[in-house]
């Protein structure tokens, strides 16, 4: 962990105290996020994702530990973090002004940028932001007439106005339709790759994490369960693989019987009249050459076979549920 990274979190703990006692939202969380990286924070409801976002943005005091943003301690900067370094998007906070302000979307962005001292040619930046999030053709419409998903995209356009090196996005595409999600994902990937901005993204959308994230941190009950790339997470957690074998000819039933005798095979079944064999086996337990050779010995000709990769959803269930997929 390098203090020179844009975001460094060290031993972060947050305890909420109320009438019913203490709730530990974060428990000794440590990690760092590199420049130009899209870093995902995944976990179930109540895992501590939003609390983590608020602390990094300087809007919430940690109980113990701290976070460093561009080398500065958030405990000292506090709300100035958002003024100097971080553009923050919170899914639970929809600007009320969007609902009631009756001005065109482009003018709305220019007004908001003026209030918050966005740098550079503000009109040009507002136009570019609307185009990036797919709202350019609605630039003359009032935000009060936008759908919920469009308002969320407008909020993302809003944070793109500010030339901040770090974007902290708390579930930015929740409740969006698939097409809108894909538009936002492309924007965020472009911002990270071409502008070199660092993005910390909390989400429960496994497809979003798969598409966007260079690395992923899994949180559960406030604790770090794992930090790795999507590929490494699959390798770490998932102990089984699914193999599909399609036969051109031969007796699939006999092949299934022989497959069930292999130590690495947990389950095998024939489908579609014996022409399709589905196998659940230990990871790397059954090699393609071994399958083809066994089929040939039984008079079966393999048309194709495929090894299906486990999804991040499989990894999520394994980590949160406490067992291997």
C-alpha atoms as a PDB file:
ATOM      1  CA  UNK A   1       0.000   0.000   0.000  1.00  0.00           C
ATOM      2  CA  UNK A   2       1.504   3.295  -1.126  1.00  0.00           C
ATOM      3  CA  UNK A   3       0.592   6.604   0.515  1.00  0.00           C
ATOM      4  CA  UNK A   4       1.154   8.168  -2.928  1.00  0.00           C
ATOM      5  CA  UNK A   5      -1.928   6.390  -4.363  1.00  0.00           C
ATOM      6  CA  UNK A   6      -4.973   8.683  -4.828  1.00  0.00           C
ATOM      7  CA  UNK A   7      -6.967   6.822  -2.166  1.00  0.00           C
ATOM      8  CA  UNK A   8      -5.400   4.992   0.780  1.00  0.00           C
ATOM      9  CA  UNK A   9      -7.534   3.546   3.573  1.00  0.00           C
ATOM     10  CA  UNK A  10      -5.787   2.432   6.765  1.00  0.00           C
ATOM     11  CA  UNK A  11      -7.465   0.520   9.591  1.00  0.00           C
ATOM     12  CA  UNK A  12     -10.769   2.294   9.018  1.00  0.00           C
ATOM     13  CA  UNK A  13     -13.422   1.593  11.645  1.00  0.00           C
ATOM     14  CA  UNK A  14     -16.810   3.246  12.032  1.00  0.00           C
ATOM     15  CA  UNK A  15     -19.103   2.556  14.960  1.00  0.00           C
ATOM     16  CA  UNK A  16     -22.604   4.035  15.136  1.00  0.00           C
ATOM     17  CA  UNK A  17     -23.947   4.477  18.648  1.00  0.00           C
ATOM     18  CA  UNK A  18     -27.658   4.669  19.349  1.00  0.00           C
ATOM     19  CA  UNK A  19     -30.311   3.799  21.892  1.00  0.00           C
ATOM     20  CA  UNK A  20     -30.181   0.131  20.941  1.00  0.00           C
ATOM     21  CA  UNK A  21     -26.398  -0.041  21.348  1.00  0.00           C
ATOM     22  CA  UNK A  22     -23.440  -0.017  19.002  1.00  0.00           C
ATOM     23  CA  UNK A  23     -23.424  -0.998  15.343  1.00  0.00           C
ATOM     24  CA  UNK A  24     -20.043  -1.602  13.724  1.00  0.00           C
ATOM     25  CA  UNK A  25     -20.442  -0.441  10.119  1.00  0.00           C
ATOM     26  CA  UNK A  26     -16.742  -0.791   9.200  1.00  0.00           C
ATOM     27  CA  UNK A  27     -14.207  -2.925  11.015  1.00  0.00           C
ATOM     28  CA  UNK A  28     -10.471  -2.364  10.397  1.00  0.00           C
ATOM     29  CA  UNK A  29     -10.769  -1.833   6.635  1.00  0.00           C
ATOM     30  CA  UNK A  30      -7.549  -1.219   4.685  1.00  0.00           C
ATOM     31  CA  UNK A  31      -6.898  -0.893   0.946  1.00  0.00           C
ATOM     32  CA  UNK A  32      -5.593   1.528  -1.674  1.00  0.00           C
ATOM     33  CA  UNK A  33      -6.835   2.652  -5.092  1.00  0.00           C
ATOM     34  CA  UNK A  34      -4.406   3.439  -7.895  1.00  0.00           C
ATOM     35  CA  UNK A  35      -4.530   6.344 -10.300  1.00  0.00           C
ATOM     36  CA  UNK A  36      -6.835   5.735 -13.279  1.00  0.00           C
ATOM     37  CA  UNK A  37      -8.236   2.599 -11.679  1.00  0.00           C
ATOM     38  CA  UNK A  38     -11.900   1.639 -11.436  1.00  0.00           C
ATOM     39  CA  UNK A  39     -12.104   0.060  -7.989  1.00  0.00           C
ATOM     40  CA  UNK A  40     -15.313  -1.726  -7.050  1.00  0.00           C
ATOM     41  CA  UNK A  41     -16.688  -2.182  -3.543  1.00  0.00           C
ATOM     42  CA  UNK A  42     -19.221  -5.009  -3.433  1.00  0.00           C
ATOM     43  CA  UNK A  43     -21.272  -6.419  -0.615  1.00  0.00           C
ATOM     44  CA  UNK A  44     -24.799  -7.094   0.592  1.00  0.00           C
ATOM     45  CA  UNK A  45     -27.056  -4.481   2.164  1.00  0.00           C
ATOM     46  CA  UNK A  46     -25.553  -3.297   5.433  1.00  0.00           C
ATOM     47  CA  UNK A  47     -22.005  -4.290   4.468  1.00  0.00           C
ATOM     48  CA  UNK A  48     -20.707  -0.726   5.009  1.00  0.00           C
ATOM     49  CA  UNK A  49     -20.376   0.433   1.397  1.00  0.00           C
ATOM     50  CA  UNK A  50     -22.097   3.821   1.736  1.00  0.00           C
ATOM     51  CA  UNK A  51     -20.393   4.521   5.068  1.00  0.00           C
ATOM     52  CA  UNK A  52     -17.046   3.932   3.365  1.00  0.00           C
ATOM     53  CA  UNK A  53     -17.962   6.326   0.540  1.00  0.00           C
ATOM     54  CA  UNK A  54     -18.974   9.078   2.968  1.00  0.00           C
ATOM     55  CA  UNK A  55     -15.770   8.792   4.998  1.00  0.00           C
ATOM     56  CA  UNK A  56     -13.560   8.942   1.897  1.00  0.00           C
ATOM     57  CA  UNK A  57     -15.502  12.029   0.763  1.00  0.00           C
ATOM     58  CA  UNK A  58     -14.894  13.680   4.149  1.00  0.00           C
ATOM     59  CA  UNK A  59     -18.581  13.807   5.060  1.00  0.00           C
ATOM     60  CA  UNK A  60     -18.382  11.318   7.932  1.00  0.00           C
ATOM     61  CA  UNK A  61     -15.863  11.017  10.759  1.00  0.00           C
ATOM     62  CA  UNK A  62     -14.213   7.613  11.265  1.00  0.00           C
ATOM     63  CA  UNK A  63     -14.188   6.159  14.764  1.00  0.00           C
ATOM     64  CA  UNK A  64     -10.672   4.762  14.309  1.00  0.00           C
ATOM     65  CA  UNK A  65      -8.183   4.690  11.474  1.00  0.00           C
ATOM     66  CA  UNK A  66      -8.329   7.073   8.559  1.00  0.00           C
ATOM     67  CA  UNK A  67      -8.262   7.541   4.800  1.00  0.00           C
ATOM     68  CA  UNK A  68      -5.826   9.583   2.745  1.00  0.00           C
ATOM     69  CA  UNK A  69      -7.058  11.316  -0.417  1.00  0.00           C
ATOM     70  CA  UNK A  70      -4.302  12.610  -2.708  1.00  0.00           C
ATOM     71  CA  UNK A  71      -1.971  12.238   0.271  1.00  0.00           C
ATOM     72  CA  UNK A  72      -4.083  14.283   2.708  1.00  0.00           C
ATOM     73  CA  UNK A  73      -5.804  12.945   5.811  1.00  0.00           C
ATOM     74  CA  UNK A  74      -9.605  13.149   5.514  1.00  0.00           C
ATOM     75  CA  UNK A  75      -9.855  13.706   9.280  1.00  0.00           C
ATOM     76  CA  UNK A  76      -8.102  17.050   8.796  1.00  0.00           C
ATOM     77  CA  UNK A  77      -9.655  17.997   5.461  1.00  0.00           C
ATOM     78  CA  UNK A  78     -13.210  16.949   6.341  1.00  0.00           C
ATOM     79  CA  UNK A  79     -15.685  18.544   3.898  1.00  0.00           C
ATOM     80  CA  UNK A  80     -12.864  20.206   1.981  1.00  0.00           C
ATOM     81  CA  UNK A  81     -12.182  16.772   0.437  1.00  0.00           C
ATOM     82  CA  UNK A  82     -15.141  17.365  -1.891  1.00  0.00           C
ATOM     83  CA  UNK A  83     -13.957  20.880  -2.675  1.00  0.00           C
ATOM     84  CA  UNK A  84     -10.424  19.823  -3.606  1.00  0.00           C
ATOM     85  CA  UNK A  85     -10.331  16.220  -4.783  1.00  0.00           C
ATOM     86  CA  UNK A  86     -13.560  14.186  -4.820  1.00  0.00           C
ATOM     87  CA  UNK A  87     -16.745  14.358  -6.866  1.00  0.00           C
ATOM     88  CA  UNK A  88     -19.356  12.366  -4.947  1.00  0.00           C
ATOM     89  CA  UNK A  89     -22.485  10.628  -6.224  1.00  0.00           C
ATOM     90  CA  UNK A  90     -24.901   9.120  -3.705  1.00  0.00           C
ATOM     91  CA  UNK A  91     -27.727   6.955  -5.038  1.00  0.00           C
ATOM     92  CA  UNK A  92     -29.834   7.690  -1.974  1.00  0.00           C
ATOM     93  CA  UNK A  93     -29.688  11.430  -2.595  1.00  0.00           C
ATOM     94  CA  UNK A  94     -31.632  12.805  -5.564  1.00  0.00           C
ATOM     95  CA  UNK A  95     -31.264  16.566  -5.819  1.00  0.00           C
ATOM     96  CA  UNK A  96     -34.632  18.124  -5.021  1.00  0.00           C
ATOM     97  CA  UNK A  97     -33.758  21.028  -7.262  1.00  0.00           C
ATOM     98  CA  UNK A  98     -33.954  18.641 -10.223  1.00  0.00           C
ATOM     99  CA  UNK A  99     -37.566  17.917  -9.358  1.00  0.00           C
ATOM    100  CA  UNK A 100     -38.686  21.512  -9.040  1.00  0.00           C
ATOM    101  CA  UNK A 101     -36.336  23.707 -11.057  1.00  0.00           C
ATOM    102  CA  UNK A 102     -38.020  24.501 -14.362  1.00  0.00           C
ATOM    103  CA  UNK A 103     -35.078  25.317 -16.588  1.00  0.00           C
ATOM    104  CA  UNK A 104     -33.625  23.318 -19.483  1.00  0.00           C
ATOM    105  CA  UNK A 105     -31.161  20.560 -18.553  1.00  0.00           C
ATOM    106  CA  UNK A 106     -28.215  22.308 -20.197  1.00  0.00           C
ATOM    107  CA  UNK A 107     -28.930  25.548 -18.376  1.00  0.00           C
ATOM    108  CA  UNK A 108     -29.385  23.582 -15.136  1.00  0.00           C
ATOM    109  CA  UNK A 109     -25.872  22.127 -15.449  1.00  0.00           C
ATOM    110  CA  UNK A 110     -24.375  25.531 -16.213  1.00  0.00           C
ATOM    111  CA  UNK A 111     -26.166  27.041 -13.184  1.00  0.00           C
ATOM    112  CA  UNK A 112     -25.043  24.289 -10.833  1.00  0.00           C
ATOM    113  CA  UNK A 113     -21.493  24.467 -12.172  1.00  0.00           C
ATOM    114  CA  UNK A 114     -21.445  28.226 -11.573  1.00  0.00           C
ATOM    115  CA  UNK A 115     -22.615  27.781  -7.991  1.00  0.00           C
ATOM    116  CA  UNK A 116     -19.907  25.216  -7.275  1.00  0.00           C
ATOM    117  CA  UNK A 117     -17.131  26.975  -9.221  1.00  0.00           C
ATOM    118  CA  UNK A 118     -16.521  24.313 -11.848  1.00  0.00           C
ATOM    119  CA  UNK A 119     -13.350  25.256 -13.752  1.00  0.00           C
ATOM    120  CA  UNK A 120     -12.813  25.842 -17.460  1.00  0.00           C
ATOM    121  CA  UNK A 121     -15.305  26.604 -20.232  1.00  0.00           C
ATOM    122  CA  UNK A 122     -18.444  25.722 -18.291  1.00  0.00           C
ATOM    123  CA  UNK A 123     -20.840  25.658 -21.233  1.00  0.00           C
ATOM    124  CA  UNK A 124     -18.548  23.375 -23.231  1.00  0.00           C
ATOM    125  CA  UNK A 125     -18.076  21.049 -20.262  1.00  0.00           C
ATOM    126  CA  UNK A 126     -21.846  20.934 -19.671  1.00  0.00           C
ATOM    127  CA  UNK A 127     -22.492  20.095 -23.321  1.00  0.00           C
ATOM    128  CA  UNK A 128     -19.842  17.353 -23.285  1.00  0.00           C
ATOM    129  CA  UNK A 129     -21.233  15.894 -20.048  1.00  0.00           C
ATOM    130  CA  UNK A 130     -24.772  15.708 -21.462  1.00  0.00           C
ATOM    131  CA  UNK A 131     -23.488  14.004 -24.591  1.00  0.00           C
ATOM    132  CA  UNK A 132     -21.447  11.517 -22.567  1.00  0.00           C
ATOM    133  CA  UNK A 133     -24.432  10.357 -20.499  1.00  0.00           C
ATOM    134  CA  UNK A 134     -26.791  10.226 -23.484  1.00  0.00           C
ATOM    135  CA  UNK A 135     -28.982  13.211 -22.563  1.00  0.00           C
ATOM    136  CA  UNK A 136     -27.972  15.641 -25.308  1.00  0.00           C
ATOM    137  CA  UNK A 137     -31.255  15.370 -27.203  1.00  0.00           C
ATOM    138  CA  UNK A 138     -33.082  16.304 -23.978  1.00  0.00           C
ATOM    139  CA  UNK A 139     -30.872  19.346 -23.278  1.00  0.00           C
ATOM    140  CA  UNK A 140     -33.855  21.719 -23.698  1.00  0.00           C
ATOM    141  CA  UNK A 141     -36.182  19.707 -21.430  1.00  0.00           C
ATOM    142  CA  UNK A 142     -36.750  20.461 -17.765  1.00  0.00           C
ATOM    143  CA  UNK A 143     -35.181  18.005 -15.279  1.00  0.00           C
ATOM    144  CA  UNK A 144     -38.535  18.024 -13.460  1.00  0.00           C
ATOM    145  CA  UNK A 145     -39.946  16.102 -16.435  1.00  0.00           C
ATOM    146  CA  UNK A 146     -37.178  13.508 -16.498  1.00  0.00           C
ATOM    147  CA  UNK A 147     -37.691   9.908 -15.449  1.00  0.00           C
ATOM    148  CA  UNK A 148     -35.851   8.676 -12.344  1.00  0.00           C
ATOM    149  CA  UNK A 149     -33.181   7.001 -14.483  1.00  0.00           C
ATOM    150  CA  UNK A 150     -32.656  10.164 -16.542  1.00  0.00           C
ATOM    151  CA  UNK A 151     -32.271  12.249 -13.394  1.00  0.00           C
ATOM    152  CA  UNK A 152     -29.573   9.851 -12.184  1.00  0.00           C
ATOM    153  CA  UNK A 153     -27.774  10.233 -15.498  1.00  0.00           C
ATOM    154  CA  UNK A 154     -28.060  14.014 -15.128  1.00  0.00           C
ATOM    155  CA  UNK A 155     -26.451  13.755 -11.688  1.00  0.00           C
ATOM    156  CA  UNK A 156     -23.558  11.810 -13.217  1.00  0.00           C
ATOM    157  CA  UNK A 157     -23.253  14.532 -15.871  1.00  0.00           C
ATOM    158  CA  UNK A 158     -23.148  17.020 -13.013  1.00  0.00           C
ATOM    159  CA  UNK A 159     -20.162  15.414 -11.275  1.00  0.00           C
ATOM    160  CA  UNK A 160     -18.350  15.187 -14.626  1.00  0.00           C
ATOM    161  CA  UNK A 161     -18.417  19.005 -14.755  1.00  0.00           C
ATOM    162  CA  UNK A 162     -15.842  19.202 -12.005  1.00  0.00           C
ATOM    163  CA  UNK A 163     -12.223  18.516 -12.827  1.00  0.00           C
ATOM    164  CA  UNK A 164     -11.771  16.302  -9.768  1.00  0.00           C
ATOM    165  CA  UNK A 165      -9.147  13.524  -9.848  1.00  0.00           C
ATOM    166  CA  UNK A 166     -11.388  11.111  -7.900  1.00  0.00           C
ATOM    167  CA  UNK A 167     -14.997  10.069  -8.437  1.00  0.00           C
ATOM    168  CA  UNK A 168     -16.750   8.277  -5.567  1.00  0.00           C
ATOM    169  CA  UNK A 169     -19.942   6.722  -6.904  1.00  0.00           C
ATOM    170  CA  UNK A 170     -22.402   4.960  -4.616  1.00  0.00           C
ATOM    171  CA  UNK A 171     -24.542   2.591  -6.750  1.00  0.00           C
ATOM    172  CA  UNK A 172     -24.709   5.025  -9.697  1.00  0.00           C
ATOM    173  CA  UNK A 173     -26.937   2.883 -11.946  1.00  0.00           C
ATOM    174  CA  UNK A 174     -29.451   1.530  -9.430  1.00  0.00           C
ATOM    175  CA  UNK A 175     -32.992   1.501 -10.913  1.00  0.00           C
ATOM    176  CA  UNK A 176     -31.678   2.311 -14.402  1.00  0.00           C
ATOM    177  CA  UNK A 177     -32.791   0.266 -17.408  1.00  0.00           C
ATOM    178  CA  UNK A 178     -30.110  -1.941 -19.077  1.00  0.00           C
ATOM    179  CA  UNK A 179     -29.525   0.445 -22.007  1.00  0.00           C
ATOM    180  CA  UNK A 180     -28.987   3.426 -19.681  1.00  0.00           C
ATOM    181  CA  UNK A 181     -26.659   1.335 -17.497  1.00  0.00           C
ATOM    182  CA  UNK A 182     -24.506   0.489 -20.495  1.00  0.00           C
ATOM    183  CA  UNK A 183     -24.289   4.160 -21.486  1.00  0.00           C
ATOM    184  CA  UNK A 184     -23.118   5.120 -18.006  1.00  0.00           C
ATOM    185  CA  UNK A 185     -20.620   2.238 -17.871  1.00  0.00           C
ATOM    186  CA  UNK A 186     -19.041   3.343 -21.145  1.00  0.00           C
ATOM    187  CA  UNK A 187     -18.766   6.896 -19.833  1.00  0.00           C
ATOM    188  CA  UNK A 188     -17.075   5.811 -16.616  1.00  0.00           C
ATOM    189  CA  UNK A 189     -14.636   3.524 -18.410  1.00  0.00           C
ATOM    190  CA  UNK A 190     -13.777   6.371 -20.805  1.00  0.00           C
ATOM    191  CA  UNK A 191     -13.250   8.820 -17.929  1.00  0.00           C
ATOM    192  CA  UNK A 192     -10.884   6.404 -16.185  1.00  0.00           C
ATOM    193  CA  UNK A 193      -8.957   5.285 -19.278  1.00  0.00           C
ATOM    194  CA  UNK A 194      -8.689   8.541 -21.217  1.00  0.00           C
ATOM    195  CA  UNK A 195      -8.726  11.170 -18.463  1.00  0.00           C
ATOM    196  CA  UNK A 196      -6.840   9.113 -15.866  1.00  0.00           C
ATOM    197  CA  UNK A 197      -9.388   9.783 -13.144  1.00  0.00           C
ATOM    198  CA  UNK A 198      -9.677   7.343 -10.253  1.00  0.00           C
ATOM    199  CA  UNK A 199     -13.125   5.848  -9.671  1.00  0.00           C
ATOM    200  CA  UNK A 200     -14.291   4.172  -6.480  1.00  0.00           C
ATOM    201  CA  UNK A 201     -17.608   2.468  -7.196  1.00  0.00           C
ATOM    202  CA  UNK A 202     -19.963   0.730  -4.788  1.00  0.00           C
ATOM    203  CA  UNK A 203     -22.479  -1.625  -6.347  1.00  0.00           C
ATOM    204  CA  UNK A 204     -24.536  -4.776  -5.981  1.00  0.00           C
ATOM    205  CA  UNK A 205     -24.754  -5.171  -9.749  1.00  0.00           C
ATOM    206  CA  UNK A 206     -22.425  -8.048 -10.640  1.00  0.00           C
ATOM    207  CA  UNK A 207     -22.575  -7.296 -14.367  1.00  0.00           C
ATOM    208  CA  UNK A 208     -21.560  -3.712 -13.658  1.00  0.00           C
ATOM    209  CA  UNK A 209     -18.598  -4.848 -11.556  1.00  0.00           C
ATOM    210  CA  UNK A 210     -17.576  -7.380 -14.215  1.00  0.00           C
ATOM    211  CA  UNK A 211     -17.635  -4.762 -17.000  1.00  0.00           C
ATOM    212  CA  UNK A 212     -16.069  -1.834 -15.152  1.00  0.00           C
ATOM    213  CA  UNK A 213     -13.801  -2.853 -12.319  1.00  0.00           C
ATOM    214  CA  UNK A 214     -10.066  -3.412 -12.489  1.00  0.00           C
ATOM    215  CA  UNK A 215     -10.136  -4.689  -8.914  1.00  0.00           C
ATOM    216  CA  UNK A 216     -12.904  -5.521  -6.478  1.00  0.00           C
ATOM    217  CA  UNK A 217     -13.134  -5.350  -2.699  1.00  0.00           C
ATOM    218  CA  UNK A 218     -15.764  -7.584  -1.119  1.00  0.00           C
ATOM    219  CA  UNK A 219     -17.195  -6.251   2.143  1.00  0.00           C
ATOM    220  CA  UNK A 220     -19.383  -8.283   4.473  1.00  0.00           C
ATOM    221  CA  UNK A 221     -20.583  -7.004   7.859  1.00  0.00           C
ATOM    222  CA  UNK A 222     -18.030  -4.209   7.720  1.00  0.00           C
ATOM    223  CA  UNK A 223     -15.024  -6.468   7.149  1.00  0.00           C
ATOM    224  CA  UNK A 224     -12.860  -6.986   4.084  1.00  0.00           C
ATOM    225  CA  UNK A 225     -13.433 -10.494   2.756  1.00  0.00           C
ATOM    226  CA  UNK A 226     -11.258 -10.274  -0.353  1.00  0.00           C
ATOM    227  CA  UNK A 227      -9.506  -7.805  -2.666  1.00  0.00           C
ATOM    228  CA  UNK A 228      -8.548  -8.967  -6.152  1.00  0.00           C
ATOM    229  CA  UNK A 229      -9.255  -8.671  -9.856  1.00  0.00           C
ATOM    230  CA  UNK A 230     -12.475 -10.335 -11.075  1.00  0.00           C
ATOM    231  CA  UNK A 231     -10.382 -13.173 -12.540  1.00  0.00           C
ATOM    232  CA  UNK A 232      -8.413 -13.671  -9.325  1.00  0.00           C
ATOM    233  CA  UNK A 233     -11.616 -13.726  -7.287  1.00  0.00           C
ATOM    234  CA  UNK A 234     -12.976 -16.564  -9.392  1.00  0.00           C
ATOM    235  CA  UNK A 235      -9.716 -18.457  -9.029  1.00  0.00           C
ATOM    236  CA  UNK A 236      -9.694 -17.848  -5.283  1.00  0.00           C
ATOM    237  CA  UNK A 237     -13.255 -18.824  -4.484  1.00  0.00           C
ATOM    238  CA  UNK A 238     -14.820 -21.024  -7.095  1.00  0.00           C
ATOM    239  CA  UNK A 239     -13.734 -24.642  -6.795  1.00  0.00           C
ATOM    240  CA  UNK A 240     -15.988 -26.155  -9.452  1.00  0.00           C
ATOM    241  CA  UNK A 241     -16.521 -25.667 -13.154  1.00  0.00           C
ATOM    242  CA  UNK A 242     -19.336 -26.513 -15.531  1.00  0.00           C
ATOM    243  CA  UNK A 243     -18.497 -28.384 -18.711  1.00  0.00           C
ATOM    244  CA  UNK A 244     -20.931 -28.786 -21.592  1.00  0.00           C
ATOM    245  CA  UNK A 245     -20.245 -31.496 -24.197  1.00  0.00           C
ATOM    246  CA  UNK A 246     -22.281 -31.733 -27.408  1.00  0.00           C
ATOM    247  CA  UNK A 247     -22.139 -35.044 -29.274  1.00  0.00           C
ATOM    248  CA  UNK A 248     -22.423 -35.478 -33.021  1.00  0.00           C
ATOM    249  CA  UNK A 249     -23.103 -39.185 -32.563  1.00  0.00           C
ATOM    250  CA  UNK A 250     -22.865 -41.911 -29.942  1.00  0.00           C
ATOM    251  CA  UNK A 251     -24.556 -43.031 -26.731  1.00  0.00           C
ATOM    252  CA  UNK A 252     -24.498 -40.094 -24.304  1.00  0.00           C
ATOM    253  CA  UNK A 253     -25.962 -42.272 -21.549  1.00  0.00           C
ATOM    254  CA  UNK A 254     -22.931 -44.570 -21.541  1.00  0.00           C
ATOM    255  CA  UNK A 255     -20.598 -41.581 -21.532  1.00  0.00           C
ATOM    256  CA  UNK A 256     -22.379 -40.124 -18.501  1.00  0.00           C
ATOM    257  CA  UNK A 257     -22.008 -43.427 -16.605  1.00  0.00           C
ATOM    258  CA  UNK A 258     -18.241 -43.426 -17.208  1.00  0.00           C
ATOM    259  CA  UNK A 259     -17.929 -39.749 -16.320  1.00  0.00           C
ATOM    260  CA  UNK A 260     -19.605 -40.345 -12.967  1.00  0.00           C
ATOM    261  CA  UNK A 261     -16.809 -42.784 -12.111  1.00  0.00           C
ATOM    262  CA  UNK A 262     -14.151 -40.081 -12.419  1.00  0.00           C
ATOM    263  CA  UNK A 263     -12.997 -38.757  -8.996  1.00  0.00           C
ATOM    264  CA  UNK A 264     -13.097 -35.103 -10.149  1.00  0.00           C
ATOM    265  CA  UNK A 265     -16.713 -35.282 -11.380  1.00  0.00           C
ATOM    266  CA  UNK A 266     -19.423 -34.313  -8.886  1.00  0.00           C
ATOM    267  CA  UNK A 267     -22.369 -34.619 -11.238  1.00  0.00           C
ATOM    268  CA  UNK A 268     -23.036 -35.559 -14.869  1.00  0.00           C
ATOM    269  CA  UNK A 269     -26.265 -35.821 -16.803  1.00  0.00           C
ATOM    270  CA  UNK A 270     -27.426 -36.324 -20.397  1.00  0.00           C
ATOM    271  CA  UNK A 271     -29.914 -33.944 -22.005  1.00  0.00           C
ATOM    272  CA  UNK A 272     -31.631 -33.576 -25.361  1.00  0.00           C
ATOM    273  CA  UNK A 273     -31.819 -37.299 -25.962  1.00  0.00           C
ATOM    274  CA  UNK A 274     -28.236 -37.919 -24.943  1.00  0.00           C
ATOM    275  CA  UNK A 275     -26.761 -35.411 -27.400  1.00  0.00           C
ATOM    276  CA  UNK A 276     -25.817 -32.884 -24.702  1.00  0.00           C
ATOM    277  CA  UNK A 277     -23.794 -33.778 -21.601  1.00  0.00           C
ATOM    278  CA  UNK A 278     -23.594 -31.370 -18.647  1.00  0.00           C
ATOM    279  CA  UNK A 279     -20.810 -31.986 -16.128  1.00  0.00           C
ATOM    280  CA  UNK A 280     -20.069 -30.406 -12.746  1.00  0.00           C
ATOM    281  CA  UNK A 281     -16.428 -31.107 -11.903  1.00  0.00           C
ATOM    282  CA  UNK A 282     -13.603 -29.917  -9.695  1.00  0.00           C
ATOM    283  CA  UNK A 283     -11.824 -26.911 -11.178  1.00  0.00           C
ATOM    284  CA  UNK A 284      -9.186 -28.155 -13.662  1.00  0.00           C
ATOM    285  CA  UNK A 285     -10.177 -31.695 -12.687  1.00  0.00           C
ATOM    286  CA  UNK A 286     -11.173 -32.890 -16.158  1.00  0.00           C
ATOM    287  CA  UNK A 287      -8.987 -31.913 -19.124  1.00  0.00           C
ATOM    288  CA  UNK A 288     -10.539 -31.481 -22.611  1.00  0.00           C
ATOM    289  CA  UNK A 289      -8.248 -34.166 -24.067  1.00  0.00           C
ATOM    290  CA  UNK A 290      -9.362 -36.598 -21.356  1.00  0.00           C
ATOM    291  CA  UNK A 291     -13.032 -35.981 -22.198  1.00  0.00           C
ATOM    292  CA  UNK A 292     -12.526 -36.370 -25.935  1.00  0.00           C
ATOM    293  CA  UNK A 293     -10.459 -39.529 -25.473  1.00  0.00           C
ATOM    294  CA  UNK A 294     -13.058 -41.103 -23.162  1.00  0.00           C
ATOM    295  CA  UNK A 295     -15.858 -40.263 -25.607  1.00  0.00           C
ATOM    296  CA  UNK A 296     -13.920 -41.769 -28.530  1.00  0.00           C
ATOM    297  CA  UNK A 297     -13.360 -45.028 -26.633  1.00  0.00           C
ATOM    298  CA  UNK A 298     -17.148 -45.302 -26.197  1.00  0.00           C
ATOM    299  CA  UNK A 299     -17.833 -44.588 -29.850  1.00  0.00           C
ATOM    300  CA  UNK A 300     -18.984 -41.009 -29.271  1.00  0.00           C
ATOM    301  CA  UNK A 301     -17.944 -38.151 -31.550  1.00  0.00           C
ATOM    302  CA  UNK A 302     -17.681 -34.772 -29.837  1.00  0.00           C
ATOM    303  CA  UNK A 303     -19.099 -31.864 -31.834  1.00  0.00           C
ATOM    304  CA  UNK A 304     -17.934 -29.255 -29.347  1.00  0.00           C
ATOM    305  CA  UNK A 305     -17.268 -28.779 -25.648  1.00  0.00           C
ATOM    306  CA  UNK A 306     -17.173 -25.645 -23.524  1.00  0.00           C
ATOM    307  CA  UNK A 307     -15.916 -24.775 -20.074  1.00  0.00           C
ATOM    308  CA  UNK A 308     -18.210 -22.180 -18.515  1.00  0.00           C
ATOM    309  CA  UNK A 309     -16.530 -19.598 -16.310  1.00  0.00           C
ATOM    310  CA  UNK A 310     -18.134 -18.870 -12.953  1.00  0.00           C
ATOM    311  CA  UNK A 311     -19.751 -15.452 -12.721  1.00  0.00           C
ATOM    312  CA  UNK A 312     -19.124 -12.808 -10.074  1.00  0.00           C
ATOM    313  CA  UNK A 313     -22.551 -13.727  -8.733  1.00  0.00           C
ATOM    314  CA  UNK A 314     -21.156 -17.194  -7.975  1.00  0.00           C
ATOM    315  CA  UNK A 315     -18.214 -15.566  -6.207  1.00  0.00           C
ATOM    316  CA  UNK A 316     -20.539 -13.231  -4.289  1.00  0.00           C
ATOM    317  CA  UNK A 317     -22.665 -16.131  -3.044  1.00  0.00           C
ATOM    318  CA  UNK A 318     -19.582 -18.071  -2.047  1.00  0.00           C
ATOM    319  CA  UNK A 319     -18.030 -15.173  -0.115  1.00  0.00           C
ATOM    320  CA  UNK A 320     -21.158 -13.933   1.597  1.00  0.00           C
ATOM    321  CA  UNK A 321     -22.626 -17.369   2.161  1.00  0.00           C
ATOM    322  CA  UNK A 322     -19.373 -18.653   3.565  1.00  0.00           C
ATOM    323  CA  UNK A 323     -18.914 -21.590   1.214  1.00  0.00           C
ATOM    324  CA  UNK A 324     -17.278 -22.349  -2.081  1.00  0.00           C
ATOM    325  CA  UNK A 325     -19.375 -22.346  -5.178  1.00  0.00           C
END
